Amino acid sequence: MGVLDSFELTESHAVFRPVGCVSLQQAVQMVIAAIVHAREQNIRNLLADLTGLTGFPSPSLVTRCQLVKDGAQASAGVVRVAMVVRPEIMDPQKIGVLVGRHVGLVCNVFLTEPEAVAWIQSIS
């Protein structure tokens, strides 16, 4: 499945909704590819709904930090990212969001799409 297969545009943001049983590494690569695609298309706001991805455990703290650093590099300060995840993947302390602030990635994580959309609209 390519990024474009799961990518759609709305008036205020792009939505990336991948589906499948993948490894954590594959999930990370998909998100990074979506951020790069959004940046290349001059899209400022990306909602990555990852609730359709299964097959991997909740990322470790180190993995979360690396994902955010990779996301910041992919974004190049252009793309703001709202991620929707399953409850078992969510870090209640949102450490990745805090790290994102320090490495140049405007991001947040949510359990529902309406919450993510509200956040995107509040920063636009």
N, C-alpha and C. Protein backbone atom coordinates (compact mmCIF):
# COMPACT_ATOMS: atom_id res chain seq x y z
N MET A 1 0.85 -1.18 0.00
CA MET A 1 0.00 0.00 0.00
C MET A 1 0.89 1.23 0.00
N GLY A 2 0.69 2.12 -0.97
CA GLY A 2 1.44 3.35 -1.04
C GLY A 2 0.75 4.45 -0.25
N VAL A 3 1.51 5.50 0.03
CA VAL A 3 0.97 6.62 0.79
C VAL A 3 -0.25 7.21 0.10
N LEU A 4 -0.18 7.36 -1.21
CA LEU A 4 -1.28 7.99 -1.94
C LEU A 4 -2.58 7.19 -1.86
N ASP A 5 -2.47 5.88 -1.65
CA ASP A 5 -3.67 5.04 -1.54
C ASP A 5 -4.48 5.38 -0.29
N SER A 6 -3.84 5.94 0.71
CA SER A 6 -4.49 6.23 1.99
C SER A 6 -4.52 7.72 2.31
N PHE A 7 -4.37 8.55 1.31
CA PHE A 7 -4.23 9.99 1.50
C PHE A 7 -5.43 10.69 0.88
N GLU A 8 -6.07 11.58 1.63
CA GLU A 8 -7.17 12.36 1.08
C GLU A 8 -7.05 13.80 1.57
N LEU A 9 -7.65 14.72 0.84
CA LEU A 9 -7.60 16.13 1.20
C LEU A 9 -8.96 16.63 1.65
N THR A 10 -8.95 17.48 2.66
CA THR A 10 -10.15 18.19 3.09
C THR A 10 -9.83 19.67 2.95
N GLU A 11 -10.76 20.52 3.32
CA GLU A 11 -10.51 21.96 3.21
C GLU A 11 -9.41 22.44 4.14
N SER A 12 -9.30 21.84 5.32
CA SER A 12 -8.34 22.34 6.30
C SER A 12 -7.10 21.49 6.49
N HIS A 13 -7.11 20.26 5.94
CA HIS A 13 -5.98 19.37 6.18
C HIS A 13 -6.02 18.16 5.26
N ALA A 14 -4.92 17.42 5.27
CA ALA A 14 -4.87 16.13 4.59
C ALA A 14 -5.09 15.05 5.64
N VAL A 15 -5.65 13.93 5.21
CA VAL A 15 -5.88 12.80 6.10
C VAL A 15 -5.16 11.59 5.52
N PHE A 16 -4.40 10.94 6.38
CA PHE A 16 -3.69 9.71 6.02
C PHE A 16 -4.26 8.60 6.89
N ARG A 17 -4.90 7.58 6.25
CA ARG A 17 -5.56 6.49 6.98
C ARG A 17 -5.08 5.13 6.50
N PRO A 18 -3.89 4.73 6.87
CA PRO A 18 -3.43 3.41 6.43
C PRO A 18 -4.14 2.29 7.20
N VAL A 19 -4.23 1.14 6.56
CA VAL A 19 -4.87 -0.02 7.18
C VAL A 19 -3.99 -1.24 6.91
N GLY A 20 -3.83 -2.09 7.92
CA GLY A 20 -3.11 -3.32 7.70
C GLY A 20 -2.40 -3.81 8.95
N CYS A 21 -1.91 -5.02 8.85
CA CYS A 21 -1.11 -5.63 9.91
C CYS A 21 0.35 -5.42 9.52
N VAL A 22 1.04 -4.58 10.27
CA VAL A 22 2.41 -4.19 9.92
C VAL A 22 3.30 -4.24 11.17
N SER A 23 4.59 -4.19 10.93
CA SER A 23 5.52 -4.08 12.05
C SER A 23 5.58 -2.62 12.49
N LEU A 24 6.14 -2.38 13.65
CA LEU A 24 6.30 -1.01 14.12
C LEU A 24 7.16 -0.22 13.15
N GLN A 25 8.22 -0.83 12.66
CA GLN A 25 9.10 -0.18 11.68
C GLN A 25 8.32 0.24 10.43
N GLN A 26 7.46 -0.64 9.93
CA GLN A 26 6.64 -0.31 8.76
C GLN A 26 5.68 0.82 9.06
N ALA A 27 5.07 0.82 10.24
CA ALA A 27 4.14 1.89 10.62
C ALA A 27 4.87 3.23 10.66
N VAL A 28 6.05 3.24 11.25
CA VAL A 28 6.86 4.47 11.32
C VAL A 28 7.20 4.95 9.91
N GLN A 29 7.63 4.05 9.05
CA GLN A 29 7.97 4.42 7.67
C GLN A 29 6.77 5.01 6.94
N MET A 30 5.58 4.46 7.18
CA MET A 30 4.36 4.97 6.54
C MET A 30 4.07 6.41 6.98
N VAL A 31 4.20 6.66 8.28
CA VAL A 31 3.93 8.00 8.79
C VAL A 31 4.94 8.99 8.24
N ILE A 32 6.21 8.62 8.23
CA ILE A 32 7.25 9.50 7.69
C ILE A 32 6.99 9.78 6.22
N ALA A 33 6.62 8.76 5.46
CA ALA A 33 6.33 8.95 4.03
C ALA A 33 5.14 9.90 3.85
N ALA A 34 4.14 9.79 4.71
CA ALA A 34 2.97 10.68 4.62
C ALA A 34 3.37 12.13 4.93
N ILE A 35 4.24 12.32 5.92
CA ILE A 35 4.70 13.67 6.25
C ILE A 35 5.49 14.25 5.08
N VAL A 36 6.37 13.47 4.50
CA VAL A 36 7.15 13.93 3.34
C VAL A 36 6.23 14.28 2.19
N HIS A 37 5.25 13.43 1.92
CA HIS A 37 4.31 13.69 0.83
C HIS A 37 3.55 14.99 1.08
N ALA A 38 3.08 15.19 2.31
CA ALA A 38 2.36 16.43 2.64
C ALA A 38 3.27 17.63 2.43
N ARG A 39 4.50 17.55 2.90
CA ARG A 39 5.45 18.66 2.73
C ARG A 39 5.68 18.96 1.25
N GLU A 40 5.88 17.93 0.46
CA GLU A 40 6.13 18.11 -0.98
C GLU A 40 4.93 18.71 -1.70
N GLN A 41 3.73 18.51 -1.15
CA GLN A 41 2.51 19.06 -1.74
C GLN A 41 2.12 20.39 -1.10
N ASN A 42 3.00 20.93 -0.25
CA ASN A 42 2.74 22.19 0.46
C ASN A 42 1.48 22.13 1.32
N ILE A 43 1.26 20.99 1.95
CA ILE A 43 0.13 20.81 2.86
C ILE A 43 0.64 21.06 4.27
N ARG A 44 0.04 22.01 4.96
CA ARG A 44 0.50 22.41 6.30
C ARG A 44 0.02 21.48 7.41
N ASN A 45 -1.17 20.91 7.26
CA ASN A 45 -1.77 20.13 8.35
C ASN A 45 -2.07 18.70 7.90
N LEU A 46 -1.58 17.75 8.67
CA LEU A 46 -1.78 16.34 8.36
C LEU A 46 -2.40 15.63 9.56
N LEU A 47 -3.50 14.94 9.31
CA LEU A 47 -4.11 14.08 10.32
C LEU A 47 -3.76 12.65 9.93
N ALA A 48 -2.99 11.97 10.76
CA ALA A 48 -2.62 10.58 10.51
C ALA A 48 -3.44 9.70 11.44
N ASP A 49 -4.47 9.06 10.89
CA ASP A 49 -5.32 8.17 11.66
C ASP A 49 -4.72 6.77 11.56
N LEU A 50 -4.05 6.36 12.63
CA LEU A 50 -3.33 5.09 12.62
C LEU A 50 -4.10 3.96 13.29
N THR A 51 -5.38 4.20 13.55
CA THR A 51 -6.18 3.19 14.25
C THR A 51 -6.41 1.94 13.40
N GLY A 52 -6.20 2.03 12.10
CA GLY A 52 -6.37 0.88 11.22
C GLY A 52 -5.12 0.02 11.08
N LEU A 53 -4.04 0.40 11.77
CA LEU A 53 -2.81 -0.39 11.74
C LEU A 53 -2.73 -1.27 12.98
N THR A 54 -2.42 -2.53 12.77
CA THR A 54 -2.27 -3.49 13.87
C THR A 54 -0.99 -4.28 13.65
N GLY A 55 -0.65 -5.11 14.63
CA GLY A 55 0.48 -6.01 14.47
C GLY A 55 1.73 -5.59 15.21
N PHE A 56 1.64 -4.50 15.98
CA PHE A 56 2.83 -4.04 16.71
C PHE A 56 2.43 -3.58 18.10
N PRO A 57 3.39 -3.65 19.03
CA PRO A 57 3.10 -3.21 20.40
C PRO A 57 3.22 -1.69 20.53
N SER A 58 2.83 -1.19 21.67
CA SER A 58 3.00 0.22 21.96
C SER A 58 4.50 0.55 21.91
N PRO A 59 4.87 1.62 21.22
CA PRO A 59 6.30 1.94 21.10
C PRO A 59 6.93 2.29 22.44
N SER A 60 8.19 1.96 22.56
CA SER A 60 8.94 2.34 23.76
C SER A 60 9.18 3.84 23.75
N LEU A 61 9.62 4.36 24.87
CA LEU A 61 9.94 5.78 24.97
C LEU A 61 11.01 6.17 23.95
N VAL A 62 12.03 5.35 23.82
CA VAL A 62 13.11 5.62 22.87
C VAL A 62 12.57 5.65 21.44
N THR A 63 11.71 4.71 21.11
CA THR A 63 11.13 4.67 19.77
C THR A 63 10.25 5.88 19.51
N ARG A 64 9.46 6.28 20.50
CA ARG A 64 8.62 7.48 20.35
C ARG A 64 9.48 8.71 20.07
N CYS A 65 10.56 8.85 20.81
CA CYS A 65 11.44 10.01 20.62
C CYS A 65 12.08 9.98 19.24
N GLN A 66 12.50 8.80 18.79
CA GLN A 66 13.10 8.70 17.46
C GLN A 66 12.08 9.00 16.37
N LEU A 67 10.85 8.53 16.54
CA LEU A 67 9.79 8.81 15.57
C LEU A 67 9.57 10.32 15.45
N VAL A 68 9.53 10.99 16.58
CA VAL A 68 9.30 12.44 16.55
C VAL A 68 10.48 13.15 15.89
N LYS A 69 11.70 12.72 16.19
CA LYS A 69 12.87 13.34 15.55
C LYS A 69 12.84 13.11 14.04
N ASP A 70 12.51 11.89 13.62
CA ASP A 70 12.39 11.60 12.18
C ASP A 70 11.26 12.41 11.56
N GLY A 71 10.15 12.55 12.29
CA GLY A 71 9.03 13.35 11.81
C GLY A 71 9.40 14.81 11.64
N ALA A 72 10.18 15.33 12.59
CA ALA A 72 10.62 16.73 12.49
C ALA A 72 11.49 16.94 11.27
N GLN A 73 12.38 16.00 11.01
CA GLN A 73 13.23 16.09 9.82
C GLN A 73 12.39 16.02 8.55
N ALA A 74 11.43 15.09 8.51
CA ALA A 74 10.57 14.94 7.33
C ALA A 74 9.71 16.18 7.11
N SER A 75 9.25 16.76 8.20
CA SER A 75 8.38 17.94 8.13
C SER A 75 9.13 19.19 7.68
N ALA A 76 10.38 19.30 8.09
CA ALA A 76 11.20 20.48 7.80
C ALA A 76 10.51 21.77 8.25
N GLY A 77 9.76 21.67 9.34
CA GLY A 77 9.08 22.84 9.87
C GLY A 77 7.84 23.28 9.11
N VAL A 78 7.41 22.47 8.14
CA VAL A 78 6.29 22.84 7.28
C VAL A 78 4.99 22.17 7.70
N VAL A 79 5.04 20.88 8.02
CA VAL A 79 3.83 20.09 8.27
C VAL A 79 3.59 19.94 9.78
N ARG A 80 2.36 20.23 10.18
CA ARG A 80 1.92 19.99 11.56
C ARG A 80 1.13 18.69 11.55
N VAL A 81 1.37 17.83 12.53
CA VAL A 81 0.83 16.48 12.50
C VAL A 81 -0.04 16.19 13.72
N ALA A 82 -1.27 15.75 13.47
CA ALA A 82 -2.16 15.23 14.51
C ALA A 82 -2.31 13.73 14.24
N MET A 83 -1.98 12.93 15.25
CA MET A 83 -2.10 11.48 15.08
C MET A 83 -3.24 10.96 15.94
N VAL A 84 -4.01 10.05 15.37
CA VAL A 84 -5.08 9.36 16.09
C VAL A 84 -4.62 7.91 16.25
N VAL A 85 -4.59 7.45 17.49
CA VAL A 85 -4.10 6.11 17.77
C VAL A 85 -5.09 5.33 18.64
N ARG A 86 -4.90 4.03 18.67
CA ARG A 86 -5.69 3.18 19.55
C ARG A 86 -5.27 3.43 21.01
N PRO A 87 -6.17 3.23 21.97
CA PRO A 87 -5.84 3.52 23.37
C PRO A 87 -4.58 2.82 23.88
N GLU A 88 -4.35 1.59 23.44
CA GLU A 88 -3.18 0.86 23.94
C GLU A 88 -1.86 1.40 23.37
N ILE A 89 -1.94 2.23 22.35
CA ILE A 89 -0.74 2.84 21.76
C ILE A 89 -0.45 4.21 22.39
N MET A 90 -1.49 4.86 22.89
CA MET A 90 -1.37 6.22 23.44
C MET A 90 -0.49 6.25 24.69
N ASP A 91 0.41 7.19 24.72
CA ASP A 91 1.19 7.47 25.93
C ASP A 91 0.44 8.58 26.67
N PRO A 92 -0.13 8.29 27.83
CA PRO A 92 -0.94 9.30 28.52
C PRO A 92 -0.16 10.58 28.86
N GLN A 93 1.15 10.47 28.97
CA GLN A 93 1.97 11.65 29.27
C GLN A 93 2.35 12.43 28.01
N LYS A 94 2.07 11.86 26.85
CA LYS A 94 2.37 12.50 25.56
C LYS A 94 3.83 12.98 25.47
N ILE A 95 4.73 12.10 25.85
CA ILE A 95 6.16 12.42 25.81
C ILE A 95 6.60 12.80 24.40
N GLY A 96 6.09 12.10 23.39
CA GLY A 96 6.44 12.41 22.00
C GLY A 96 6.07 13.83 21.61
N VAL A 97 4.94 14.30 22.09
CA VAL A 97 4.51 15.67 21.80
C VAL A 97 5.48 16.67 22.44
N LEU A 98 5.90 16.38 23.66
CA LEU A 98 6.86 17.26 24.34
C LEU A 98 8.20 17.28 23.62
N VAL A 99 8.66 16.11 23.21
CA VAL A 99 9.91 16.03 22.46
C VAL A 99 9.77 16.78 21.14
N GLY A 100 8.63 16.64 20.49
CA GLY A 100 8.37 17.33 19.23
C GLY A 100 8.59 18.83 19.34
N ARG A 101 8.11 19.41 20.43
CA ARG A 101 8.29 20.86 20.64
C ARG A 101 9.77 21.24 20.63
N HIS A 102 10.60 20.36 21.17
CA HIS A 102 12.03 20.66 21.28
C HIS A 102 12.81 20.39 20.00
N VAL A 103 12.26 19.58 19.12
CA VAL A 103 12.99 19.26 17.88
C VAL A 103 12.35 19.87 16.64
N GLY A 104 11.33 20.71 16.83
CA GLY A 104 10.77 21.44 15.70
C GLY A 104 9.59 20.80 14.99
N LEU A 105 8.92 19.86 15.65
CA LEU A 105 7.73 19.25 15.05
C LEU A 105 6.50 19.66 15.85
N VAL A 106 5.60 20.38 15.20
CA VAL A 106 4.33 20.72 15.83
C VAL A 106 3.44 19.49 15.65
N CYS A 107 3.13 18.84 16.77
CA CYS A 107 2.37 17.59 16.69
C CYS A 107 1.54 17.42 17.95
N ASN A 108 0.57 16.51 17.84
CA ASN A 108 -0.22 16.13 19.00
C ASN A 108 -0.80 14.75 18.71
N VAL A 109 -1.28 14.08 19.74
CA VAL A 109 -1.82 12.74 19.58
C VAL A 109 -3.16 12.66 20.30
N PHE A 110 -4.09 11.93 19.69
CA PHE A 110 -5.47 11.86 20.17
C PHE A 110 -6.01 10.45 20.05
N LEU A 111 -7.12 10.21 20.76
CA LEU A 111 -7.81 8.93 20.65
C LEU A 111 -8.96 8.97 19.67
N THR A 112 -9.42 10.18 19.29
CA THR A 112 -10.52 10.28 18.34
C THR A 112 -10.20 11.29 17.24
N GLU A 113 -10.78 11.05 16.10
CA GLU A 113 -10.58 11.96 14.97
C GLU A 113 -11.19 13.35 15.22
N PRO A 114 -12.39 13.45 15.82
CA PRO A 114 -12.92 14.80 16.08
C PRO A 114 -12.00 15.65 16.96
N GLU A 115 -11.34 15.03 17.94
CA GLU A 115 -10.39 15.77 18.77
C GLU A 115 -9.21 16.25 17.93
N ALA A 116 -8.72 15.40 17.06
CA ALA A 116 -7.58 15.75 16.20
C ALA A 116 -7.94 16.87 15.24
N VAL A 117 -9.13 16.79 14.65
CA VAL A 117 -9.58 17.83 13.72
C VAL A 117 -9.73 19.16 14.46
N ALA A 118 -10.29 19.13 15.66
CA ALA A 118 -10.45 20.36 16.44
C ALA A 118 -9.09 21.00 16.72
N TRP A 119 -8.10 20.18 17.03
CA TRP A 119 -6.75 20.70 17.29
C TRP A 119 -6.17 21.32 16.02
N ILE A 120 -6.29 20.61 14.90
CA ILE A 120 -5.78 21.14 13.63
C ILE A 120 -6.43 22.49 13.32
N GLN A 121 -7.73 22.56 13.49
CA GLN A 121 -8.43 23.80 13.18
C GLN A 121 -8.04 24.92 14.15
N SER A 122 -7.66 24.57 15.36
CA SER A 122 -7.27 25.59 16.33
C SER A 122 -5.89 26.18 16.05
N ILE A 123 -5.05 25.44 15.33
CA ILE A 123 -3.70 25.92 15.04
C ILE A 123 -3.58 26.52 13.65
N SER A 124 -4.62 26.39 12.86
CA SER A 124 -4.57 26.89 11.47
C SER A 124 -4.74 28.39 11.41
